[in-house]
Amino acid sequence: MVTRAQVLSTLREVVDPEIGVNLVDLDMIREVQIEENRIQVRMVLTIPGCPLAQHLLTQVRGKLEAIAEGRAVDVQLVHDVWEPR
């Protein structure tokens, strides 16, 4: 079974190419929900209108699909303000 820890560990492999730090450590992953037939992740971008948004979404979706065990993967952008830790 896929766990929250496994999802976060997997998403640590996705690095923001402009900053050089993974999305989890940047606190861009705001929510992880694992259900019987779906994994849902809500994330923020470092800046509104980020030119790398589609690239990051594709990377997150691809990494999650690799561990999803047949579950659908739903990645949503949350329009919160991101602030570095």
PDB file of N, CA and C in Angstrom:
ATOM      1  N   MET A   1       0.836  -1.189   0.000  1.00  0.00           N
ATOM      2  CA  MET A   1       0.000   0.000   0.000  1.00  0.00           C
ATOM      3  C   MET A   1       0.879   1.252   0.000  1.00  0.00           C
ATOM      4  N   VAL A   2       0.475   2.220  -0.759  1.00  0.00           N
ATOM      5  CA  VAL A   2       1.192   3.483  -0.846  1.00  0.00           C
ATOM      6  C   VAL A   2       0.917   4.305   0.413  1.00  0.00           C
ATOM      7  N   THR A   3       1.976   4.866   0.986  1.00  0.00           N
ATOM      8  CA  THR A   3       1.833   5.683   2.195  1.00  0.00           C
ATOM      9  C   THR A   3       2.189   7.140   1.900  1.00  0.00           C
ATOM     10  N   ARG A   4       1.805   8.014   2.812  1.00  0.00           N
ATOM     11  CA  ARG A   4       2.144   9.434   2.691  1.00  0.00           C
ATOM     12  C   ARG A   4       3.663   9.605   2.667  1.00  0.00           C
ATOM     13  N   ALA A   5       4.348   8.865   3.519  1.00  0.00           N
ATOM     14  CA  ALA A   5       5.813   8.951   3.557  1.00  0.00           C
ATOM     15  C   ALA A   5       6.418   8.548   2.214  1.00  0.00           C
ATOM     16  N   GLN A   6       5.867   7.528   1.584  1.00  0.00           N
ATOM     17  CA  GLN A   6       6.360   7.086   0.278  1.00  0.00           C
ATOM     18  C   GLN A   6       6.103   8.158  -0.782  1.00  0.00           C
ATOM     19  N   VAL A   7       4.936   8.774  -0.740  1.00  0.00           N
ATOM     20  CA  VAL A   7       4.617   9.842  -1.695  1.00  0.00           C
ATOM     21  C   VAL A   7       5.612  10.992  -1.534  1.00  0.00           C
ATOM     22  N   LEU A   8       5.828  11.418  -0.293  1.00  0.00           N
ATOM     23  CA  LEU A   8       6.744  12.541  -0.064  1.00  0.00           C
ATOM     24  C   LEU A   8       8.178  12.182  -0.444  1.00  0.00           C
ATOM     25  N   SER A   9       8.582  10.971  -0.145  1.00  0.00           N
ATOM     26  CA  SER A   9       9.922  10.526  -0.529  1.00  0.00           C
ATOM     27  C   SER A   9      10.086  10.553  -2.047  1.00  0.00           C
ATOM     28  N   THR A  10       9.070  10.096  -2.752  1.00  0.00           N
ATOM     29  CA  THR A  10       9.096  10.096  -4.214  1.00  0.00           C
ATOM     30  C   THR A  10       9.132  11.521  -4.758  1.00  0.00           C
ATOM     31  N   LEU A  11       8.363  12.408  -4.152  1.00  0.00           N
ATOM     32  CA  LEU A  11       8.314  13.791  -4.639  1.00  0.00           C
ATOM     33  C   LEU A  11       9.589  14.572  -4.316  1.00  0.00           C
ATOM     34  N   ARG A  12      10.413  14.050  -3.411  1.00  0.00           N
ATOM     35  CA  ARG A  12      11.720  14.673  -3.158  1.00  0.00           C
ATOM     36  C   ARG A  12      12.637  14.528  -4.377  1.00  0.00           C
ATOM     37  N   GLU A  13      12.261  13.667  -5.305  1.00  0.00           N
ATOM     38  CA  GLU A  13      13.039  13.495  -6.537  1.00  0.00           C
ATOM     39  C   GLU A  13      12.743  14.592  -7.560  1.00  0.00           C
ATOM     40  N   VAL A  14      11.675  15.372  -7.326  1.00  0.00           N
ATOM     41  CA  VAL A  14      11.308  16.451  -8.247  1.00  0.00           C
ATOM     42  C   VAL A  14      11.929  17.743  -7.728  1.00  0.00           C
ATOM     43  N   VAL A  15      12.849  18.291  -8.521  1.00  0.00           N
ATOM     44  CA  VAL A  15      13.601  19.469  -8.112  1.00  0.00           C
ATOM     45  C   VAL A  15      13.156  20.672  -8.938  1.00  0.00           C
ATOM     46  N   ASP A  16      12.942  21.791  -8.260  1.00  0.00           N
ATOM     47  CA  ASP A  16      12.655  23.040  -8.968  1.00  0.00           C
ATOM     48  C   ASP A  16      13.945  23.444  -9.668  1.00  0.00           C
ATOM     49  N   PRO A  17      13.955  23.459 -11.009  1.00  0.00           N
ATOM     50  CA  PRO A  17      15.202  23.709 -11.735  1.00  0.00           C
ATOM     51  C   PRO A  17      15.783  25.112 -11.536  1.00  0.00           C
ATOM     52  N   GLU A  18      14.954  26.056 -11.169  1.00  0.00           N
ATOM     53  CA  GLU A  18      15.469  27.416 -10.960  1.00  0.00           C
ATOM     54  C   GLU A  18      16.107  27.581  -9.590  1.00  0.00           C
ATOM     55  N   ILE A  19      15.615  26.827  -8.601  1.00  0.00           N
ATOM     56  CA  ILE A  19      16.106  26.966  -7.235  1.00  0.00           C
ATOM     57  C   ILE A  19      17.084  25.848  -6.875  1.00  0.00           C
ATOM     58  N   GLY A  20      16.897  24.677  -7.481  1.00  0.00           N
ATOM     59  CA  GLY A  20      17.792  23.551  -7.223  1.00  0.00           C
ATOM     60  C   GLY A  20      17.482  22.787  -5.947  1.00  0.00           C
ATOM     61  N   VAL A  21      16.243  22.905  -5.458  1.00  0.00           N
ATOM     62  CA  VAL A  21      15.812  22.215  -4.246  1.00  0.00           C
ATOM     63  C   VAL A  21      14.534  21.464  -4.583  1.00  0.00           C
ATOM     64  N   ASN A  22      14.329  20.315  -3.922  1.00  0.00           N
ATOM     65  CA  ASN A  22      13.136  19.519  -4.230  1.00  0.00           C
ATOM     66  C   ASN A  22      11.868  20.184  -3.692  1.00  0.00           C
ATOM     67  N   LEU A  23      10.737  19.800  -4.285  1.00  0.00           N
ATOM     68  CA  LEU A  23       9.451  20.428  -3.979  1.00  0.00           C
ATOM     69  C   LEU A  23       8.998  20.220  -2.542  1.00  0.00           C
ATOM     70  N   VAL A  24       9.354  19.087  -1.950  1.00  0.00           N
ATOM     71  CA  VAL A  24       8.946  18.821  -0.570  1.00  0.00           C
ATOM     72  C   VAL A  24       9.700  19.747   0.376  1.00  0.00           C
ATOM     73  N   ASP A  25      11.007  19.833   0.214  1.00  0.00           N
ATOM     74  CA  ASP A  25      11.802  20.699   1.090  1.00  0.00           C
ATOM     75  C   ASP A  25      11.503  22.173   0.868  1.00  0.00           C
ATOM     76  N   LEU A  26      11.014  22.524  -0.312  1.00  0.00           N
ATOM     77  CA  LEU A  26      10.596  23.903  -0.575  1.00  0.00           C
ATOM     78  C   LEU A  26       9.207  24.202  -0.010  1.00  0.00           C
ATOM     79  N   ASP A  27       8.552  23.185   0.537  1.00  0.00           N
ATOM     80  CA  ASP A  27       7.199  23.305   1.081  1.00  0.00           C
ATOM     81  C   ASP A  27       6.183  23.687   0.003  1.00  0.00           C
ATOM     82  N   MET A  28       6.393  23.161  -1.186  1.00  0.00           N
ATOM     83  CA  MET A  28       5.448  23.392  -2.279  1.00  0.00           C
ATOM     84  C   MET A  28       4.323  22.353  -2.285  1.00  0.00           C
ATOM     85  N   ILE A  29       4.529  21.224  -1.622  1.00  0.00           N
ATOM     86  CA  ILE A  29       3.499  20.189  -1.520  1.00  0.00           C
ATOM     87  C   ILE A  29       2.672  20.507  -0.285  1.00  0.00           C
ATOM     88  N   ARG A  30       1.436  20.896  -0.494  1.00  0.00           N
ATOM     89  CA  ARG A  30       0.587  21.356   0.602  1.00  0.00           C
ATOM     90  C   ARG A  30      -0.319  20.277   1.171  1.00  0.00           C
ATOM     91  N   GLU A  31      -0.675  19.291   0.351  1.00  0.00           N
ATOM     92  CA  GLU A  31      -1.603  18.270   0.830  1.00  0.00           C
ATOM     93  C   GLU A  31      -1.394  16.987   0.045  1.00  0.00           C
ATOM     94  N   VAL A  32      -1.477  15.869   0.754  1.00  0.00           N
ATOM     95  CA  VAL A  32      -1.415  14.543   0.133  1.00  0.00           C
ATOM     96  C   VAL A  32      -2.585  13.738   0.676  1.00  0.00           C
ATOM     97  N   GLN A  33      -3.401  13.216  -0.232  1.00  0.00           N
ATOM     98  CA  GLN A  33      -4.500  12.337   0.154  1.00  0.00           C
ATOM     99  C   GLN A  33      -4.360  11.038  -0.626  1.00  0.00           C
ATOM    100  N   ILE A  34      -4.417   9.952   0.099  1.00  0.00           N
ATOM    101  CA  ILE A  34      -4.344   8.635  -0.529  1.00  0.00           C
ATOM    102  C   ILE A  34      -5.648   7.922  -0.237  1.00  0.00           C
ATOM    103  N   GLU A  35      -6.353   7.607  -1.300  1.00  0.00           N
ATOM    104  CA  GLU A  35      -7.624   6.916  -1.180  1.00  0.00           C
ATOM    105  C   GLU A  35      -7.507   5.558  -1.873  1.00  0.00           C
ATOM    106  N   GLU A  36      -8.549   4.783  -1.771  1.00  0.00           N
ATOM    107  CA  GLU A  36      -8.533   3.435  -2.339  1.00  0.00           C
ATOM    108  C   GLU A  36      -8.183   3.430  -3.827  1.00  0.00           C
ATOM    109  N   ASN A  37      -8.719   4.402  -4.572  1.00  0.00           N
ATOM    110  CA  ASN A  37      -8.481   4.399  -6.018  1.00  0.00           C
ATOM    111  C   ASN A  37      -7.899   5.718  -6.539  1.00  0.00           C
ATOM    112  N   ARG A  38      -7.314   6.542  -5.626  1.00  0.00           N
ATOM    113  CA  ARG A  38      -6.783   7.816  -6.088  1.00  0.00           C
ATOM    114  C   ARG A  38      -5.712   8.342  -5.133  1.00  0.00           C
ATOM    115  N   ILE A  39      -4.702   8.971  -5.714  1.00  0.00           N
ATOM    116  CA  ILE A  39      -3.731   9.753  -4.953  1.00  0.00           C
ATOM    117  C   ILE A  39      -3.907  11.195  -5.408  1.00  0.00           C
ATOM    118  N   GLN A  40      -4.151  12.064  -4.438  1.00  0.00           N
ATOM    119  CA  GLN A  40      -4.333  13.472  -4.765  1.00  0.00           C
ATOM    120  C   GLN A  40      -3.251  14.287  -4.060  1.00  0.00           C
ATOM    121  N   VAL A  41      -2.627  15.165  -4.830  1.00  0.00           N
ATOM    122  CA  VAL A  41      -1.619  16.064  -4.289  1.00  0.00           C
ATOM    123  C   VAL A  41      -2.014  17.483  -4.660  1.00  0.00           C
ATOM    124  N   ARG A  42      -1.933  18.360  -3.676  1.00  0.00           N
ATOM    125  CA  ARG A  42      -2.170  19.786  -3.924  1.00  0.00           C
ATOM    126  C   ARG A  42      -0.848  20.487  -3.676  1.00  0.00           C
ATOM    127  N   MET A  43      -0.479  21.332  -4.626  1.00  0.00           N
ATOM    128  CA  MET A  43       0.812  22.010  -4.523  1.00  0.00           C
ATOM    129  C   MET A  43       0.703  23.471  -4.930  1.00  0.00           C
ATOM    130  N   VAL A  44       1.674  24.246  -4.505  1.00  0.00           N
ATOM    131  CA  VAL A  44       1.757  25.650  -4.885  1.00  0.00           C
ATOM    132  C   VAL A  44       2.994  25.840  -5.755  1.00  0.00           C
ATOM    133  N   LEU A  45       3.008  26.958  -6.452  1.00  0.00           N
ATOM    134  CA  LEU A  45       4.174  27.334  -7.239  1.00  0.00           C
ATOM    135  C   LEU A  45       4.938  28.419  -6.499  1.00  0.00           C
ATOM    136  N   THR A  46       6.203  28.582  -6.822  1.00  0.00           N
ATOM    137  CA  THR A  46       7.005  29.597  -6.140  1.00  0.00           C
ATOM    138  C   THR A  46       6.583  31.006  -6.527  1.00  0.00           C
ATOM    139  N   ILE A  47       6.074  31.159  -7.754  1.00  0.00           N
ATOM    140  CA  ILE A  47       5.564  32.458  -8.193  1.00  0.00           C
ATOM    141  C   ILE A  47       4.309  32.232  -9.034  1.00  0.00           C
ATOM    142  N   PRO A  48       3.340  33.137  -8.945  1.00  0.00           N
ATOM    143  CA  PRO A  48       2.167  33.013  -9.814  1.00  0.00           C
ATOM    144  C   PRO A  48       2.604  33.096 -11.278  1.00  0.00           C
ATOM    145  N   GLY A  49       2.010  32.284 -12.105  1.00  0.00           N
ATOM    146  CA  GLY A  49       2.352  32.298 -13.520  1.00  0.00           C
ATOM    147  C   GLY A  49       3.720  31.718 -13.810  1.00  0.00           C
ATOM    148  N   CYS A  50       4.209  30.879 -12.939  1.00  0.00           N
ATOM    149  CA  CYS A  50       5.540  30.274 -13.097  1.00  0.00           C
ATOM    150  C   CYS A  50       5.670  29.640 -14.485  1.00  0.00           C
ATOM    151  N   PRO A  51       6.715  29.988 -15.238  1.00  0.00           N
ATOM    152  CA  PRO A  51       6.875  29.424 -16.577  1.00  0.00           C
ATOM    153  C   PRO A  51       7.179  27.921 -16.567  1.00  0.00           C
ATOM    154  N   LEU A  52       7.548  27.381 -15.413  1.00  0.00           N
ATOM    155  CA  LEU A  52       7.858  25.956 -15.305  1.00  0.00           C
ATOM    156  C   LEU A  52       6.703  25.142 -14.719  1.00  0.00           C
ATOM    157  N   ALA A  53       5.543  25.765 -14.576  1.00  0.00           N
ATOM    158  CA  ALA A  53       4.399  25.099 -13.944  1.00  0.00           C
ATOM    159  C   ALA A  53       4.072  23.768 -14.619  1.00  0.00           C
ATOM    160  N   GLN A  54       3.943  23.770 -15.923  1.00  0.00           N
ATOM    161  CA  GLN A  54       3.572  22.535 -16.620  1.00  0.00           C
ATOM    162  C   GLN A  54       4.653  21.468 -16.473  1.00  0.00           C
ATOM    163  N   HIS A  55       5.897  21.877 -16.532  1.00  0.00           N
ATOM    164  CA  HIS A  55       7.018  20.941 -16.344  1.00  0.00           C
ATOM    165  C   HIS A  55       6.939  20.290 -14.959  1.00  0.00           C
ATOM    166  N   LEU A  56       6.734  21.104 -13.920  1.00  0.00           N
ATOM    167  CA  LEU A  56       6.672  20.573 -12.563  1.00  0.00           C
ATOM    168  C   LEU A  56       5.468  19.659 -12.380  1.00  0.00           C
ATOM    169  N   LEU A  57       4.317  20.051 -12.898  1.00  0.00           N
ATOM    170  CA  LEU A  57       3.120  19.207 -12.805  1.00  0.00           C
ATOM    171  C   LEU A  57       3.340  17.859 -13.495  1.00  0.00           C
ATOM    172  N   THR A  58       3.959  17.887 -14.647  1.00  0.00           N
ATOM    173  CA  THR A  58       4.245  16.653 -15.385  1.00  0.00           C
ATOM    174  C   THR A  58       5.198  15.755 -14.600  1.00  0.00           C
ATOM    175  N   GLN A  59       6.212  16.351 -14.004  1.00  0.00           N
ATOM    176  CA  GLN A  59       7.173  15.592 -13.203  1.00  0.00           C
ATOM    177  C   GLN A  59       6.493  14.958 -11.982  1.00  0.00           C
ATOM    178  N   VAL A  60       5.694  15.731 -11.273  1.00  0.00           N
ATOM    179  CA  VAL A  60       4.993  15.221 -10.090  1.00  0.00           C
ATOM    180  C   VAL A  60       4.053  14.091 -10.490  1.00  0.00           C
ATOM    181  N   ARG A  61       3.265  14.306 -11.515  1.00  0.00           N
ATOM    182  CA  ARG A  61       2.311  13.286 -11.971  1.00  0.00           C
ATOM    183  C   ARG A  61       3.047  12.000 -12.373  1.00  0.00           C
ATOM    184  N   GLY A  62       4.121  12.140 -13.123  1.00  0.00           N
ATOM    185  CA  GLY A  62       4.878  10.967 -13.568  1.00  0.00           C
ATOM    186  C   GLY A  62       5.472  10.179 -12.415  1.00  0.00           C
ATOM    187  N   LYS A  63       6.046  10.868 -11.451  1.00  0.00           N
ATOM    188  CA  LYS A  63       6.621  10.192 -10.280  1.00  0.00           C
ATOM    189  C   LYS A  63       5.543   9.460  -9.495  1.00  0.00           C
ATOM    190  N   LEU A  64       4.389  10.096  -9.326  1.00  0.00           N
ATOM    191  CA  LEU A  64       3.311   9.463  -8.567  1.00  0.00           C
ATOM    192  C   LEU A  64       2.702   8.286  -9.316  1.00  0.00           C
ATOM    193  N   GLU A  65       2.564   8.405 -10.623  1.00  0.00           N
ATOM    194  CA  GLU A  65       2.016   7.286 -11.401  1.00  0.00           C
ATOM    195  C   GLU A  65       2.904   6.048 -11.286  1.00  0.00           C
ATOM    196  N   ALA A  66       4.192   6.254 -11.110  1.00  0.00           N
ATOM    197  CA  ALA A  66       5.125   5.127 -10.992  1.00  0.00           C
ATOM    198  C   ALA A  66       4.927   4.334  -9.697  1.00  0.00           C
ATOM    199  N   ILE A  67       4.342   4.959  -8.666  1.00  0.00           N
ATOM    200  CA  ILE A  67       4.135   4.255  -7.393  1.00  0.00           C
ATOM    201  C   ILE A  67       2.659   4.067  -7.050  1.00  0.00           C
ATOM    202  N   ALA A  68       1.763   4.466  -7.923  1.00  0.00           N
ATOM    203  CA  ALA A  68       0.331   4.550  -7.620  1.00  0.00           C
ATOM    204  C   ALA A  68      -0.379   3.204  -7.462  1.00  0.00           C
ATOM    205  N   GLU A  69       0.228   2.139  -7.895  1.00  0.00           N
ATOM    206  CA  GLU A  69      -0.386   0.807  -7.791  1.00  0.00           C
ATOM    207  C   GLU A  69      -1.793   0.782  -8.378  1.00  0.00           C
ATOM    208  N   GLY A  70      -1.948   1.388  -9.548  1.00  0.00           N
ATOM    209  CA  GLY A  70      -3.222   1.373 -10.251  1.00  0.00           C
ATOM    210  C   GLY A  70      -4.189   2.479  -9.875  1.00  0.00           C
ATOM    211  N   ARG A  71      -3.834   3.286  -8.903  1.00  0.00           N
ATOM    212  CA  ARG A  71      -4.700   4.404  -8.515  1.00  0.00           C
ATOM    213  C   ARG A  71      -4.581   5.538  -9.539  1.00  0.00           C
ATOM    214  N   ALA A  72      -5.638   6.310  -9.668  1.00  0.00           N
ATOM    215  CA  ALA A  72      -5.573   7.525 -10.475  1.00  0.00           C
ATOM    216  C   ALA A  72      -4.728   8.543  -9.708  1.00  0.00           C
ATOM    217  N   VAL A  73      -4.048   9.399 -10.442  1.00  0.00           N
ATOM    218  CA  VAL A  73      -3.234  10.449  -9.834  1.00  0.00           C
ATOM    219  C   VAL A  73      -3.837  11.791 -10.206  1.00  0.00           C
ATOM    220  N   ASP A  74      -4.089  12.601  -9.193  1.00  0.00           N
ATOM    221  CA  ASP A  74      -4.692  13.917  -9.375  1.00  0.00           C
ATOM    222  C   ASP A  74      -3.763  14.947  -8.731  1.00  0.00           C
ATOM    223  N   VAL A  75      -3.180  15.811  -9.550  1.00  0.00           N
ATOM    224  CA  VAL A  75      -2.290  16.858  -9.050  1.00  0.00           C
ATOM    225  C   VAL A  75      -2.959  18.196  -9.318  1.00  0.00           C
ATOM    226  N   GLN A  76      -3.177  18.955  -8.259  1.00  0.00           N
ATOM    227  CA  GLN A  76      -3.862  20.236  -8.382  1.00  0.00           C
ATOM    228  C   GLN A  76      -2.974  21.364  -7.878  1.00  0.00           C
ATOM    229  N   LEU A  77      -3.069  22.497  -8.548  1.00  0.00           N
ATOM    230  CA  LEU A  77      -2.378  23.698  -8.084  1.00  0.00           C
ATOM    231  C   LEU A  77      -3.286  24.456  -7.130  1.00  0.00           C
ATOM    232  N   VAL A  78      -2.729  24.859  -6.021  1.00  0.00           N
ATOM    233  CA  VAL A  78      -3.428  25.674  -5.041  1.00  0.00           C
ATOM    234  C   VAL A  78      -2.874  27.077  -5.192  1.00  0.00           C
ATOM    235  N   HIS A  79      -3.741  28.041  -5.235  1.00  0.00           N
ATOM    236  CA  HIS A  79      -3.299  29.409  -5.475  1.00  0.00           C
ATOM    237  C   HIS A  79      -3.047  30.148  -4.163  1.00  0.00           C
ATOM    238  N   ASP A  80      -2.174  29.557  -3.343  1.00  0.00           N
ATOM    239  CA  ASP A  80      -1.707  30.192  -2.120  1.00  0.00           C
ATOM    240  C   ASP A  80      -0.387  30.892  -2.425  1.00  0.00           C
ATOM    241  N   VAL A  81      -0.001  31.758  -1.544  1.00  0.00           N
ATOM    242  CA  VAL A  81       1.288  32.425  -1.687  1.00  0.00           C
ATOM    243  C   VAL A  81       2.363  31.504  -1.100  1.00  0.00           C
ATOM    244  N   TRP A  82       3.387  31.237  -1.873  1.00  0.00           N
ATOM    245  CA  TRP A  82       4.508  30.430  -1.403  1.00  0.00           C
ATOM    246  C   TRP A  82       5.534  31.352  -0.770  1.00  0.00           C
ATOM    247  N   GLU A  83       6.040  30.934   0.365  1.00  0.00           N
ATOM    248  CA  GLU A  83       7.123  31.664   1.008  1.00  0.00           C
ATOM    249  C   GLU A  83       8.196  30.665   1.372  1.00  0.00           C
ATOM    250  N   PRO A  84       9.459  30.976   1.090  1.00  0.00           N
ATOM    251  CA  PRO A  84      10.532  30.038   1.421  1.00  0.00           C
ATOM    252  C   PRO A  84      10.658  29.857   2.923  1.00  0.00           C
ATOM    253  N   ARG A  85      11.095  28.676   3.292  1.00  0.00           N
ATOM    254  CA  ARG A  85      11.311  28.405   4.721  1.00  0.00           C
ATOM    255  C   ARG A  85      12.591  29.040   5.174  1.00  0.00           C
TER     256      ARG A  85
END
